[in-house]
Amino acid sequence: MAVTKFAFPTTIHFGAGARKLVAGHLKEQGLKRPLIVTDTGLAALPILHAVQEAIGYVPEDAIPAIAEALNITRAEMHGVVTFYHDFRREPAGRLQVAGALAGRRSGAGRLFPAPACDAQAE
C-alpha cells in the first residue's frame, strides 16, 4: 500500500469516535482547521490488501462479507475494489510459451529459452 507524506502534521484514525479526537490533535499541533475524510471505504484497504496477498486476488464473494464486517454497503465496497487498480478481481493468468519448433524459429527462443527436454527432441 502506498503511503503519502504530507507537508503538515498528519494523524489518521478510522472508526466510530474518530471525530472526538480531532479537537485534541488540533490543540497538540497548534492547528486551527482539520481535514476530515469520511470515505468509509478507506477502512477496507488493509483488509483487501491482506485478502489479495493471501490468495492472489479479491474474489467477488468476499466483497459482501467485508462490507458487512465494516458496516458499509456492497455498492460502496464494490466501488473501492473497482476504483483502486491494485486489486485483481480474478486470478492472475499464467504465461504459456509454445515449445514447438515453429515457435522457436519465429523468435520465441530469444525471449524464453527452450526447456532441456525440447532441445533433445530436435
PDB file of N, CA and C in Angstrom:
ATOM      1  N   MET A   1       0.856  -1.172   0.000  1.00  0.00           N
ATOM      2  CA  MET A   1       0.000   0.000   0.000  1.00  0.00           C
ATOM      3  C   MET A   1       0.902   1.236   0.000  1.00  0.00           C
ATOM      4  N   ALA A   2       0.580   2.207  -0.810  1.00  0.00           N
ATOM      5  CA  ALA A   2       1.345   3.440  -0.870  1.00  0.00           C
ATOM      6  C   ALA A   2       0.990   4.330   0.322  1.00  0.00           C
ATOM      7  N   VAL A   3       1.983   4.986   0.847  1.00  0.00           N
ATOM      8  CA  VAL A   3       1.777   5.917   1.955  1.00  0.00           C
ATOM      9  C   VAL A   3       2.169   7.300   1.478  1.00  0.00           C
ATOM     10  N   THR A   4       1.288   8.247   1.675  1.00  0.00           N
ATOM     11  CA  THR A   4       1.557   9.616   1.262  1.00  0.00           C
ATOM     12  C   THR A   4       2.111  10.399   2.431  1.00  0.00           C
ATOM     13  N   LYS A   5       3.187  11.132   2.199  1.00  0.00           N
ATOM     14  CA  LYS A   5       3.722  12.001   3.246  1.00  0.00           C
ATOM     15  C   LYS A   5       3.172  13.400   3.026  1.00  0.00           C
ATOM     16  N   PHE A   6       2.587  13.931   4.049  1.00  0.00           N
ATOM     17  CA  PHE A   6       2.013  15.260   3.962  1.00  0.00           C
ATOM     18  C   PHE A   6       3.019  16.283   4.478  1.00  0.00           C
ATOM     19  N   ALA A   7       2.885  17.506   4.010  1.00  0.00           N
ATOM     20  CA  ALA A   7       3.796  18.578   4.417  1.00  0.00           C
ATOM     21  C   ALA A   7       3.324  19.242   5.705  1.00  0.00           C
ATOM     22  N   PHE A   8       2.388  18.631   6.387  1.00  0.00           N
ATOM     23  CA  PHE A   8       1.875  19.163   7.639  1.00  0.00           C
ATOM     24  C   PHE A   8       1.626  17.983   8.578  1.00  0.00           C
ATOM     25  N   PRO A   9       1.542  18.236   9.879  1.00  0.00           N
ATOM     26  CA  PRO A   9       1.316  17.134  10.819  1.00  0.00           C
ATOM     27  C   PRO A   9       0.030  16.376  10.469  1.00  0.00           C
ATOM     28  N   THR A  10       0.143  15.062  10.411  1.00  0.00           N
ATOM     29  CA  THR A  10      -0.992  14.253   9.982  1.00  0.00           C
ATOM     30  C   THR A  10      -1.238  13.113  10.950  1.00  0.00           C
ATOM     31  N   THR A  11      -2.486  12.919  11.300  1.00  0.00           N
ATOM     32  CA  THR A  11      -2.905  11.785  12.100  1.00  0.00           C
ATOM     33  C   THR A  11      -4.120  11.185  11.425  1.00  0.00           C
ATOM     34  N   ILE A  12      -4.113   9.870  11.264  1.00  0.00           N
ATOM     35  CA  ILE A  12      -5.235   9.207  10.610  1.00  0.00           C
ATOM     36  C   ILE A  12      -5.864   8.226  11.588  1.00  0.00           C
ATOM     37  N   HIS A  13      -7.183   8.339  11.757  1.00  0.00           N
ATOM     38  CA  HIS A  13      -7.942   7.435  12.617  1.00  0.00           C
ATOM     39  C   HIS A  13      -9.124   6.907  11.830  1.00  0.00           C
ATOM     40  N   PHE A  14      -9.467   5.634  12.064  1.00  0.00           N
ATOM     41  CA  PHE A  14     -10.640   5.033  11.461  1.00  0.00           C
ATOM     42  C   PHE A  14     -11.620   4.684  12.558  1.00  0.00           C
ATOM     43  N   GLY A  15     -12.875   4.597  12.189  1.00  0.00           N
ATOM     44  CA  GLY A  15     -13.871   4.057  13.091  1.00  0.00           C
ATOM     45  C   GLY A  15     -14.670   5.089  13.849  1.00  0.00           C
ATOM     46  N   ALA A  16     -15.666   4.552  14.544  1.00  0.00           N
ATOM     47  CA  ALA A  16     -16.553   5.404  15.340  1.00  0.00           C
ATOM     48  C   ALA A  16     -15.753   6.103  16.426  1.00  0.00           C
ATOM     49  N   GLY A  17     -16.060   7.328  16.654  1.00  0.00           N
ATOM     50  CA  GLY A  17     -15.384   8.087  17.699  1.00  0.00           C
ATOM     51  C   GLY A  17     -14.148   8.827  17.231  1.00  0.00           C
ATOM     52  N   ALA A  18     -13.769   8.654  15.980  1.00  0.00           N
ATOM     53  CA  ALA A  18     -12.563   9.319  15.478  1.00  0.00           C
ATOM     54  C   ALA A  18     -12.715  10.842  15.508  1.00  0.00           C
ATOM     55  N   ARG A  19     -13.916  11.320  15.246  1.00  0.00           N
ATOM     56  CA  ARG A  19     -14.120  12.780  15.246  1.00  0.00           C
ATOM     57  C   ARG A  19     -13.908  13.390  16.624  1.00  0.00           C
ATOM     58  N   LYS A  20     -14.151  12.621  17.659  1.00  0.00           N
ATOM     59  CA  LYS A  20     -13.980  13.141  19.022  1.00  0.00           C
ATOM     60  C   LYS A  20     -12.514  13.452  19.323  1.00  0.00           C
ATOM     61  N   LEU A  21     -11.617  12.836  18.582  1.00  0.00           N
ATOM     62  CA  LEU A  21     -10.186  13.032  18.809  1.00  0.00           C
ATOM     63  C   LEU A  21      -9.632  14.275  18.118  1.00  0.00           C
ATOM     64  N   VAL A  22     -10.412  14.858  17.200  1.00  0.00           N
ATOM     65  CA  VAL A  22      -9.923  15.964  16.374  1.00  0.00           C
ATOM     66  C   VAL A  22      -9.497  17.168  17.210  1.00  0.00           C
ATOM     67  N   ALA A  23     -10.317  17.589  18.142  1.00  0.00           N
ATOM     68  CA  ALA A  23     -10.007  18.791  18.927  1.00  0.00           C
ATOM     69  C   ALA A  23      -8.676  18.653  19.657  1.00  0.00           C
ATOM     70  N   GLY A  24      -8.442  17.506  20.255  1.00  0.00           N
ATOM     71  CA  GLY A  24      -7.183  17.279  20.967  1.00  0.00           C
ATOM     72  C   GLY A  24      -5.973  17.328  20.051  1.00  0.00           C
ATOM     73  N   HIS A  25      -6.083  16.712  18.856  1.00  0.00           N
ATOM     74  CA  HIS A  25      -4.970  16.715  17.911  1.00  0.00           C
ATOM     75  C   HIS A  25      -4.687  18.123  17.383  1.00  0.00           C
ATOM     76  N   LEU A  26      -5.748  18.882  17.130  1.00  0.00           N
ATOM     77  CA  LEU A  26      -5.558  20.258  16.661  1.00  0.00           C
ATOM     78  C   LEU A  26      -4.814  21.082  17.708  1.00  0.00           C
ATOM     79  N   LYS A  27      -5.213  20.929  18.941  1.00  0.00           N
ATOM     80  CA  LYS A  27      -4.583  21.681  20.028  1.00  0.00           C
ATOM     81  C   LYS A  27      -3.111  21.281  20.172  1.00  0.00           C
ATOM     82  N   GLU A  28      -2.822  19.974  20.131  1.00  0.00           N
ATOM     83  CA  GLU A  28      -1.436  19.493  20.251  1.00  0.00           C
ATOM     84  C   GLU A  28      -0.537  20.046  19.148  1.00  0.00           C
ATOM     85  N   GLN A  29      -1.058  20.118  17.935  1.00  0.00           N
ATOM     86  CA  GLN A  29      -0.259  20.548  16.792  1.00  0.00           C
ATOM     87  C   GLN A  29      -0.294  22.056  16.559  1.00  0.00           C
ATOM     88  N   GLY A  30      -1.125  22.748  17.295  1.00  0.00           N
ATOM     89  CA  GLY A  30      -1.239  24.192  17.115  1.00  0.00           C
ATOM     90  C   GLY A  30      -1.951  24.566  15.827  1.00  0.00           C
ATOM     91  N   LEU A  31      -2.834  23.716  15.380  1.00  0.00           N
ATOM     92  CA  LEU A  31      -3.563  23.945  14.129  1.00  0.00           C
ATOM     93  C   LEU A  31      -4.976  24.413  14.419  1.00  0.00           C
ATOM     94  N   LYS A  32      -5.609  25.002  13.410  1.00  0.00           N
ATOM     95  CA  LYS A  32      -6.954  25.522  13.598  1.00  0.00           C
ATOM     96  C   LYS A  32      -7.999  24.785  12.763  1.00  0.00           C
ATOM     97  N   ARG A  33      -7.609  24.261  11.596  1.00  0.00           N
ATOM     98  CA  ARG A  33      -8.600  23.672  10.698  1.00  0.00           C
ATOM     99  C   ARG A  33      -8.221  22.230  10.351  1.00  0.00           C
ATOM    100  N   PRO A  34      -9.095  21.293  10.636  1.00  0.00           N
ATOM    101  CA  PRO A  34      -8.799  19.900  10.292  1.00  0.00           C
ATOM    102  C   PRO A  34      -9.288  19.540   8.890  1.00  0.00           C
ATOM    103  N   LEU A  35      -8.726  18.508   8.346  1.00  0.00           N
ATOM    104  CA  LEU A  35      -9.231  17.906   7.115  1.00  0.00           C
ATOM    105  C   LEU A  35      -9.822  16.565   7.544  1.00  0.00           C
ATOM    106  N   ILE A  36     -11.116  16.438   7.384  1.00  0.00           N
ATOM    107  CA  ILE A  36     -11.786  15.208   7.789  1.00  0.00           C
ATOM    108  C   ILE A  36     -12.284  14.506   6.538  1.00  0.00           C
ATOM    109  N   VAL A  37     -11.846  13.272   6.353  1.00  0.00           N
ATOM    110  CA  VAL A  37     -12.274  12.462   5.215  1.00  0.00           C
ATOM    111  C   VAL A  37     -13.234  11.423   5.749  1.00  0.00           C
ATOM    112  N   THR A  38     -14.409  11.370   5.177  1.00  0.00           N
ATOM    113  CA  THR A  38     -15.415  10.437   5.674  1.00  0.00           C
ATOM    114  C   THR A  38     -15.668   9.290   4.711  1.00  0.00           C
ATOM    115  N   ASP A  39     -14.717   8.970   3.864  1.00  0.00           N
ATOM    116  CA  ASP A  39     -14.847   7.850   2.930  1.00  0.00           C
ATOM    117  C   ASP A  39     -14.696   6.548   3.709  1.00  0.00           C
ATOM    118  N   THR A  40     -15.815   5.912   3.980  1.00  0.00           N
ATOM    119  CA  THR A  40     -15.790   4.685   4.781  1.00  0.00           C
ATOM    120  C   THR A  40     -15.067   3.545   4.071  1.00  0.00           C
ATOM    121  N   GLY A  41     -14.956   3.621   2.768  1.00  0.00           N
ATOM    122  CA  GLY A  41     -14.276   2.578   2.017  1.00  0.00           C
ATOM    123  C   GLY A  41     -12.793   2.498   2.293  1.00  0.00           C
ATOM    124  N   LEU A  42     -12.197   3.590   2.769  1.00  0.00           N
ATOM    125  CA  LEU A  42     -10.765   3.578   3.060  1.00  0.00           C
ATOM    126  C   LEU A  42     -10.404   2.552   4.124  1.00  0.00           C
ATOM    127  N   ALA A  43     -11.304   2.287   5.038  1.00  0.00           N
ATOM    128  CA  ALA A  43     -11.038   1.296   6.077  1.00  0.00           C
ATOM    129  C   ALA A  43     -10.906  -0.104   5.498  1.00  0.00           C
ATOM    130  N   ALA A  44     -11.436  -0.314   4.298  1.00  0.00           N
ATOM    131  CA  ALA A  44     -11.379  -1.633   3.666  1.00  0.00           C
ATOM    132  C   ALA A  44     -10.025  -1.922   3.023  1.00  0.00           C
ATOM    133  N   LEU A  45      -9.239  -0.903   2.752  1.00  0.00           N
ATOM    134  CA  LEU A  45      -7.988  -1.120   2.026  1.00  0.00           C
ATOM    135  C   LEU A  45      -7.051  -2.129   2.677  1.00  0.00           C
ATOM    136  N   PRO A  46      -6.764  -2.033   3.975  1.00  0.00           N
ATOM    137  CA  PRO A  46      -5.871  -3.032   4.569  1.00  0.00           C
ATOM    138  C   PRO A  46      -6.424  -4.454   4.482  1.00  0.00           C
ATOM    139  N   ILE A  47      -7.742  -4.594   4.595  1.00  0.00           N
ATOM    140  CA  ILE A  47      -8.359  -5.919   4.506  1.00  0.00           C
ATOM    141  C   ILE A  47      -8.243  -6.448   3.084  1.00  0.00           C
ATOM    142  N   LEU A  48      -8.530  -5.609   2.103  1.00  0.00           N
ATOM    143  CA  LEU A  48      -8.445  -6.036   0.698  1.00  0.00           C
ATOM    144  C   LEU A  48      -7.017  -6.419   0.324  1.00  0.00           C
ATOM    145  N   HIS A  49      -6.052  -5.648   0.797  1.00  0.00           N
ATOM    146  CA  HIS A  49      -4.649  -5.988   0.520  1.00  0.00           C
ATOM    147  C   HIS A  49      -4.293  -7.338   1.148  1.00  0.00           C
ATOM    148  N   ALA A  50      -4.772  -7.594   2.357  1.00  0.00           N
ATOM    149  CA  ALA A  50      -4.481  -8.872   3.031  1.00  0.00           C
ATOM    150  C   ALA A  50      -5.115 -10.041   2.281  1.00  0.00           C
ATOM    151  N   VAL A  51      -6.343  -9.873   1.824  1.00  0.00           N
ATOM    152  CA  VAL A  51      -7.014 -10.935   1.060  1.00  0.00           C
ATOM    153  C   VAL A  51      -6.245 -11.215  -0.228  1.00  0.00           C
ATOM    154  N   GLN A  52      -5.888 -10.164  -0.934  1.00  0.00           N
ATOM    155  CA  GLN A  52      -5.175 -10.357  -2.195  1.00  0.00           C
ATOM    156  C   GLN A  52      -3.796 -10.982  -1.974  1.00  0.00           C
ATOM    157  N   GLU A  53      -3.131 -10.585  -0.916  1.00  0.00           N
ATOM    158  CA  GLU A  53      -1.821 -11.160  -0.619  1.00  0.00           C
ATOM    159  C   GLU A  53      -1.942 -12.646  -0.281  1.00  0.00           C
ATOM    160  N   ALA A  54      -3.022 -13.010   0.406  1.00  0.00           N
ATOM    161  CA  ALA A  54      -3.204 -14.403   0.826  1.00  0.00           C
ATOM    162  C   ALA A  54      -3.576 -15.324  -0.330  1.00  0.00           C
ATOM    163  N   ILE A  55      -4.487 -14.876  -1.213  1.00  0.00           N
ATOM    164  CA  ILE A  55      -4.952 -15.783  -2.264  1.00  0.00           C
ATOM    165  C   ILE A  55      -4.699 -15.283  -3.686  1.00  0.00           C
ATOM    166  N   GLY A  56      -4.105 -14.113  -3.813  1.00  0.00           N
ATOM    167  CA  GLY A  56      -3.722 -13.627  -5.133  1.00  0.00           C
ATOM    168  C   GLY A  56      -4.714 -12.712  -5.818  1.00  0.00           C
ATOM    169  N   TYR A  57      -5.928 -12.610  -5.309  1.00  0.00           N
ATOM    170  CA  TYR A  57      -6.943 -11.728  -5.873  1.00  0.00           C
ATOM    171  C   TYR A  57      -8.058 -11.540  -4.854  1.00  0.00           C
ATOM    172  N   VAL A  58      -8.993 -10.634  -5.143  1.00  0.00           N
ATOM    173  CA  VAL A  58     -10.138 -10.403  -4.257  1.00  0.00           C
ATOM    174  C   VAL A  58     -11.355 -11.035  -4.921  1.00  0.00           C
ATOM    175  N   PRO A  59     -11.785 -12.208  -4.427  1.00  0.00           N
ATOM    176  CA  PRO A  59     -12.929 -12.874  -5.061  1.00  0.00           C
ATOM    177  C   PRO A  59     -14.221 -12.085  -4.866  1.00  0.00           C
ATOM    178  N   GLU A  60     -15.097 -12.218  -5.843  1.00  0.00           N
ATOM    179  CA  GLU A  60     -16.372 -11.490  -5.820  1.00  0.00           C
ATOM    180  C   GLU A  60     -17.195 -11.841  -4.585  1.00  0.00           C
ATOM    181  N   ASP A  61     -17.126 -13.092  -4.127  1.00  0.00           N
ATOM    182  CA  ASP A  61     -17.927 -13.478  -2.970  1.00  0.00           C
ATOM    183  C   ASP A  61     -17.359 -12.984  -1.644  1.00  0.00           C
ATOM    184  N   ALA A  62     -16.158 -12.421  -1.652  1.00  0.00           N
ATOM    185  CA  ALA A  62     -15.594 -11.843  -0.425  1.00  0.00           C
ATOM    186  C   ALA A  62     -16.105 -10.426  -0.181  1.00  0.00           C
ATOM    187  N   ILE A  63     -16.536  -9.758  -1.227  1.00  0.00           N
ATOM    188  CA  ILE A  63     -16.959  -8.357  -1.123  1.00  0.00           C
ATOM    189  C   ILE A  63     -18.129  -8.177  -0.149  1.00  0.00           C
ATOM    190  N   PRO A  64     -19.201  -8.969  -0.234  1.00  0.00           N
ATOM    191  CA  PRO A  64     -20.300  -8.785   0.734  1.00  0.00           C
ATOM    192  C   PRO A  64     -19.871  -9.045   2.180  1.00  0.00           C
ATOM    193  N   ALA A  65     -19.005 -10.023   2.386  1.00  0.00           N
ATOM    194  CA  ALA A  65     -18.561 -10.337   3.751  1.00  0.00           C
ATOM    195  C   ALA A  65     -17.745  -9.192   4.346  1.00  0.00           C
ATOM    196  N   ILE A  66     -16.858  -8.617   3.547  1.00  0.00           N
ATOM    197  CA  ILE A  66     -16.038  -7.493   4.021  1.00  0.00           C
ATOM    198  C   ILE A  66     -16.923  -6.274   4.271  1.00  0.00           C
ATOM    199  N   ALA A  67     -17.867  -6.031   3.358  1.00  0.00           N
ATOM    200  CA  ALA A  67     -18.786  -4.895   3.514  1.00  0.00           C
ATOM    201  C   ALA A  67     -19.590  -5.018   4.807  1.00  0.00           C
ATOM    202  N   GLU A  68     -20.080  -6.213   5.078  1.00  0.00           N
ATOM    203  CA  GLU A  68     -20.864  -6.421   6.299  1.00  0.00           C
ATOM    204  C   GLU A  68     -20.005  -6.216   7.541  1.00  0.00           C
ATOM    205  N   ALA A  69     -18.772  -6.704   7.509  1.00  0.00           N
ATOM    206  CA  ALA A  69     -17.880  -6.550   8.661  1.00  0.00           C
ATOM    207  C   ALA A  69     -17.565  -5.088   8.944  1.00  0.00           C
ATOM    208  N   LEU A  70     -17.497  -4.270   7.896  1.00  0.00           N
ATOM    209  CA  LEU A  70     -17.178  -2.850   8.058  1.00  0.00           C
ATOM    210  C   LEU A  70     -18.422  -1.966   8.159  1.00  0.00           C
ATOM    211  N   ASN A  71     -19.598  -2.587   8.055  1.00  0.00           N
ATOM    212  CA  ASN A  71     -20.860  -1.860   8.134  1.00  0.00           C
ATOM    213  C   ASN A  71     -20.985  -0.816   7.030  1.00  0.00           C
ATOM    214  N   ILE A  72     -20.613  -1.220   5.815  1.00  0.00           N
ATOM    215  CA  ILE A  72     -20.808  -0.367   4.639  1.00  0.00           C
ATOM    216  C   ILE A  72     -21.586  -1.183   3.612  1.00  0.00           C
ATOM    217  N   THR A  73     -22.158  -0.512   2.631  1.00  0.00           N
ATOM    218  CA  THR A  73     -22.971  -1.209   1.641  1.00  0.00           C
ATOM    219  C   THR A  73     -22.080  -1.988   0.669  1.00  0.00           C
ATOM    220  N   ARG A  74     -22.689  -2.981   0.025  1.00  0.00           N
ATOM    221  CA  ARG A  74     -21.964  -3.741  -1.000  1.00  0.00           C
ATOM    222  C   ARG A  74     -21.545  -2.825  -2.144  1.00  0.00           C
ATOM    223  N   ALA A  75     -22.387  -1.859  -2.459  1.00  0.00           N
ATOM    224  CA  ALA A  75     -22.071  -0.925  -3.538  1.00  0.00           C
ATOM    225  C   ALA A  75     -20.823  -0.109  -3.208  1.00  0.00           C
ATOM    226  N   GLU A  76     -20.717   0.373  -1.961  1.00  0.00           N
ATOM    227  CA  GLU A  76     -19.519   1.120  -1.549  1.00  0.00           C
ATOM    228  C   GLU A  76     -18.279   0.224  -1.631  1.00  0.00           C
ATOM    229  N   MET A  77     -18.431  -1.018  -1.172  1.00  0.00           N
ATOM    230  CA  MET A  77     -17.309  -1.953  -1.192  1.00  0.00           C
ATOM    231  C   MET A  77     -16.882  -2.263  -2.619  1.00  0.00           C
ATOM    232  N   HIS A  78     -17.855  -2.485  -3.488  1.00  0.00           N
ATOM    233  CA  HIS A  78     -17.566  -2.741  -4.899  1.00  0.00           C
ATOM    234  C   HIS A  78     -16.863  -1.525  -5.514  1.00  0.00           C
ATOM    235  N   GLY A  79     -17.298  -0.334  -5.134  1.00  0.00           N
ATOM    236  CA  GLY A  79     -16.660   0.886  -5.623  1.00  0.00           C
ATOM    237  C   GLY A  79     -15.203   0.980  -5.219  1.00  0.00           C
ATOM    238  N   VAL A  80     -14.882   0.574  -4.005  1.00  0.00           N
ATOM    239  CA  VAL A  80     -13.493   0.600  -3.536  1.00  0.00           C
ATOM    240  C   VAL A  80     -12.649  -0.380  -4.350  1.00  0.00           C
ATOM    241  N   VAL A  81     -13.154  -1.597  -4.525  1.00  0.00           N
ATOM    242  CA  VAL A  81     -12.395  -2.630  -5.234  1.00  0.00           C
ATOM    243  C   VAL A  81     -12.162  -2.241  -6.693  1.00  0.00           C
ATOM    244  N   THR A  82     -13.163  -1.640  -7.327  1.00  0.00           N
ATOM    245  CA  THR A  82     -13.013  -1.283  -8.739  1.00  0.00           C
ATOM    246  C   THR A  82     -12.273   0.038  -8.935  1.00  0.00           C
ATOM    247  N   PHE A  83     -12.288   0.914  -7.948  1.00  0.00           N
ATOM    248  CA  PHE A  83     -11.595   2.207  -8.083  1.00  0.00           C
ATOM    249  C   PHE A  83     -10.082   2.043  -7.993  1.00  0.00           C
ATOM    250  N   TYR A  84      -9.626   1.268  -7.026  1.00  0.00           N
ATOM    251  CA  TYR A  84      -8.190   1.100  -6.830  1.00  0.00           C
ATOM    252  C   TYR A  84      -7.683  -0.014  -7.738  1.00  0.00           C
ATOM    253  N   HIS A  85      -6.761   0.339  -8.612  1.00  0.00           N
ATOM    254  CA  HIS A  85      -6.265  -0.604  -9.609  1.00  0.00           C
ATOM    255  C   HIS A  85      -5.297  -1.625  -9.032  1.00  0.00           C
ATOM    256  N   ASP A  86      -5.007  -1.541  -7.741  1.00  0.00           N
ATOM    257  CA  ASP A  86      -4.118  -2.512  -7.098  1.00  0.00           C
ATOM    258  C   ASP A  86      -4.771  -3.886  -6.989  1.00  0.00           C
ATOM    259  N   PHE A  87      -6.088  -3.939  -7.041  1.00  0.00           N
ATOM    260  CA  PHE A  87      -6.789  -5.174  -6.738  1.00  0.00           C
ATOM    261  C   PHE A  87      -7.203  -5.922  -8.000  1.00  0.00           C
ATOM    262  N   ARG A  88      -6.892  -7.232  -8.009  1.00  0.00           N
ATOM    263  CA  ARG A  88      -7.350  -8.106  -9.078  1.00  0.00           C
ATOM    264  C   ARG A  88      -8.643  -8.761  -8.609  1.00  0.00           C
ATOM    265  N   ARG A  89      -9.600  -8.873  -9.512  1.00  0.00           N
ATOM    266  CA  ARG A  89     -10.866  -9.497  -9.139  1.00  0.00           C
ATOM    267  C   ARG A  89     -10.976 -10.925  -9.657  1.00  0.00           C
ATOM    268  N   GLU A  90      -9.931 -11.385 -10.299  1.00  0.00           N
ATOM    269  CA  GLU A  90      -9.872 -12.779 -10.718  1.00  0.00           C
ATOM    270  C   GLU A  90      -8.414 -13.219 -10.678  1.00  0.00           C
ATOM    271  N   PRO A  91      -8.171 -14.522 -10.602  1.00  0.00           N
ATOM    272  CA  PRO A  91      -6.782 -14.990 -10.502  1.00  0.00           C
ATOM    273  C   PRO A  91      -5.951 -14.507 -11.693  1.00  0.00           C
ATOM    274  N   ALA A  92      -4.690 -14.235 -11.424  1.00  0.00           N
ATOM    275  CA  ALA A  92      -3.786 -13.809 -12.497  1.00  0.00           C
ATOM    276  C   ALA A  92      -3.576 -14.970 -13.462  1.00  0.00           C
ATOM    277  N   GLY A  93      -3.460 -14.656 -14.731  1.00  0.00           N
ATOM    278  CA  GLY A  93      -3.231 -15.694 -15.744  1.00  0.00           C
ATOM    279  C   GLY A  93      -1.814 -16.218 -15.697  1.00  0.00           C
ATOM    280  N   ARG A  94      -1.618 -17.323 -16.367  1.00  0.00           N
ATOM    281  CA  ARG A  94      -0.287 -17.917 -16.449  1.00  0.00           C
ATOM    282  C   ARG A  94       0.237 -17.725 -17.857  1.00  0.00           C
ATOM    283  N   LEU A  95       1.507 -17.496 -17.957  1.00  0.00           N
ATOM    284  CA  LEU A  95       2.145 -17.313 -19.252  1.00  0.00           C
ATOM    285  C   LEU A  95       2.530 -18.665 -19.802  1.00  0.00           C
ATOM    286  N   GLN A  96       2.078 -18.961 -21.021  1.00  0.00           N
ATOM    287  CA  GLN A  96       2.455 -20.205 -21.683  1.00  0.00           C
ATOM    288  C   GLN A  96       3.175 -19.864 -22.967  1.00  0.00           C
ATOM    289  N   VAL A  97       4.316 -20.490 -23.160  1.00  0.00           N
ATOM    290  CA  VAL A  97       5.115 -20.247 -24.363  1.00  0.00           C
ATOM    291  C   VAL A  97       5.145 -21.533 -25.164  1.00  0.00           C
ATOM    292  N   ALA A  98       4.849 -21.418 -26.441  1.00  0.00           N
ATOM    293  CA  ALA A  98       4.883 -22.596 -27.300  1.00  0.00           C
ATOM    294  C   ALA A  98       6.304 -23.138 -27.371  1.00  0.00           C
ATOM    295  N   GLY A  99       6.434 -24.438 -27.154  1.00  0.00           N
ATOM    296  CA  GLY A  99       7.753 -25.063 -27.201  1.00  0.00           C
ATOM    297  C   GLY A  99       8.021 -25.739 -28.525  1.00  0.00           C
ATOM    298  N   ALA A 100       7.092 -25.603 -29.472  1.00  0.00           N
ATOM    299  CA  ALA A 100       7.253 -26.261 -30.764  1.00  0.00           C
ATOM    300  C   ALA A 100       8.366 -25.607 -31.569  1.00  0.00           C
ATOM    301  N   LEU A 101       8.870 -26.366 -32.509  1.00  0.00           N
ATOM    302  CA  LEU A 101       9.950 -25.894 -33.367  1.00  0.00           C
ATOM    303  C   LEU A 101       9.560 -24.607 -34.099  1.00  0.00           C
ATOM    304  N   ALA A 102       8.306 -24.532 -34.566  1.00  0.00           N
ATOM    305  CA  ALA A 102       7.851 -23.336 -35.289  1.00  0.00           C
ATOM    306  C   ALA A 102       7.922 -22.100 -34.395  1.00  0.00           C
ATOM    307  N   GLY A 103       7.570 -22.258 -33.126  1.00  0.00           N
ATOM    308  CA  GLY A 103       7.633 -21.129 -32.201  1.00  0.00           C
ATOM    309  C   GLY A 103       9.052 -20.662 -31.979  1.00  0.00           C
ATOM    310  N   ARG A 104       9.966 -21.599 -31.853  1.00  0.00           N
ATOM    311  CA  ARG A 104      11.363 -21.216 -31.638  1.00  0.00           C
ATOM    312  C   ARG A 104      11.951 -20.568 -32.888  1.00  0.00           C
ATOM    313  N   ARG A 105      11.564 -21.050 -34.059  1.00  0.00           N
ATOM    314  CA  ARG A 105      12.090 -20.458 -35.315  1.00  0.00           C
ATOM    315  C   ARG A 105      11.560 -19.049 -35.528  1.00  0.00           C
ATOM    316  N   SER A 106      10.381 -18.757 -34.971  1.00  0.00           N
ATOM    317  CA  SER A 106       9.827 -17.413 -35.155  1.00  0.00           C
ATOM    318  C   SER A 106      10.367 -16.422 -34.142  1.00  0.00           C
ATOM    319  N   GLY A 107      11.284 -16.878 -33.280  1.00  0.00           N
ATOM    320  CA  GLY A 107      11.935 -15.943 -32.370  1.00  0.00           C
ATOM    321  C   GLY A 107      11.575 -16.107 -30.912  1.00  0.00           C
ATOM    322  N   ALA A 108      10.694 -17.045 -30.572  1.00  0.00           N
ATOM    323  CA  ALA A 108      10.305 -17.214 -29.177  1.00  0.00           C
ATOM    324  C   ALA A 108      11.500 -17.636 -28.320  1.00  0.00           C
ATOM    325  N   GLY A 109      12.448 -18.322 -28.902  1.00  0.00           N
ATOM    326  CA  GLY A 109      13.614 -18.781 -28.159  1.00  0.00           C
ATOM    327  C   GLY A 109      14.480 -17.652 -27.638  1.00  0.00           C
ATOM    328  N   ARG A 110      14.461 -16.513 -28.313  1.00  0.00           N
ATOM    329  CA  ARG A 110      15.241 -15.368 -27.834  1.00  0.00           C
ATOM    330  C   ARG A 110      14.641 -14.801 -26.550  1.00  0.00           C
ATOM    331  N   LEU A 111      13.319 -14.904 -26.417  1.00  0.00           N
ATOM    332  CA  LEU A 111      12.656 -14.380 -25.228  1.00  0.00           C
ATOM    333  C   LEU A 111      12.623 -15.400 -24.099  1.00  0.00           C
ATOM    334  N   PHE A 112      12.353 -16.653 -24.452  1.00  0.00           N
ATOM    335  CA  PHE A 112      12.201 -17.709 -23.462  1.00  0.00           C
ATOM    336  C   PHE A 112      13.009 -18.916 -23.916  1.00  0.00           C
ATOM    337  N   PRO A 113      14.077 -19.265 -23.197  1.00  0.00           N
ATOM    338  CA  PRO A 113      14.871 -20.411 -23.615  1.00  0.00           C
ATOM    339  C   PRO A 113      14.060 -21.704 -23.558  1.00  0.00           C
ATOM    340  N   ALA A 114      14.330 -22.600 -24.497  1.00  0.00           N
ATOM    341  CA  ALA A 114      13.616 -23.871 -24.543  1.00  0.00           C
ATOM    342  C   ALA A 114      14.029 -24.770 -23.394  1.00  0.00           C
ATOM    343  N   PRO A 115      13.119 -25.541 -22.838  1.00  0.00           N
ATOM    344  CA  PRO A 115      13.500 -26.492 -21.789  1.00  0.00           C
ATOM    345  C   PRO A 115      14.468 -27.538 -22.343  1.00  0.00           C
ATOM    346  N   ALA A 116      15.251 -28.141 -21.468  1.00  0.00           N
ATOM    347  CA  ALA A 116      16.278 -29.101 -21.885  1.00  0.00           C
ATOM    348  C   ALA A 116      15.675 -30.287 -22.616  1.00  0.00           C
ATOM    349  N   CYS A 117      14.495 -30.739 -22.217  1.00  0.00           N
ATOM    350  CA  CYS A 117      13.880 -31.895 -22.870  1.00  0.00           C
ATOM    351  C   CYS A 117      13.502 -31.581 -24.315  1.00  0.00           C
ATOM    352  N   ASP A 118      13.128 -30.334 -24.627  1.00  0.00           N
ATOM    353  CA  ASP A 118      12.793 -29.952 -26.002  1.00  0.00           C
ATOM    354  C   ASP A 118      14.028 -29.928 -26.881  1.00  0.00           C
ATOM    355  N   ALA A 119      15.159 -29.557 -26.316  1.00  0.00           N
ATOM    356  CA  ALA A 119      16.394 -29.483 -27.104  1.00  0.00           C
ATOM    357  C   ALA A 119      16.784 -30.860 -27.595  1.00  0.00           C
ATOM    358  N   GLN A 120      16.497 -31.912 -26.822  1.00  0.00           N
ATOM    359  CA  GLN A 120      16.818 -33.279 -27.225  1.00  0.00           C
ATOM    360  C   GLN A 120      15.882 -33.778 -28.310  1.00  0.00           C
ATOM    361  N   ALA A 121      14.646 -33.241 -28.370  1.00  0.00           N
ATOM    362  CA  ALA A 121      13.677 -33.697 -29.340  1.00  0.00           C
ATOM    363  C   ALA A 121      14.029 -33.309 -30.757  1.00  0.00           C
ATOM    364  N   GLU A 122      14.819 -32.271 -30.945  1.00  0.00           N
ATOM    365  CA  GLU A 122      15.185 -31.824 -32.275  1.00  0.00           C
ATOM    366  C   GLU A 122      16.196 -32.756 -32.776  1.00  0.00           C
TER     367      GLU A 122
END
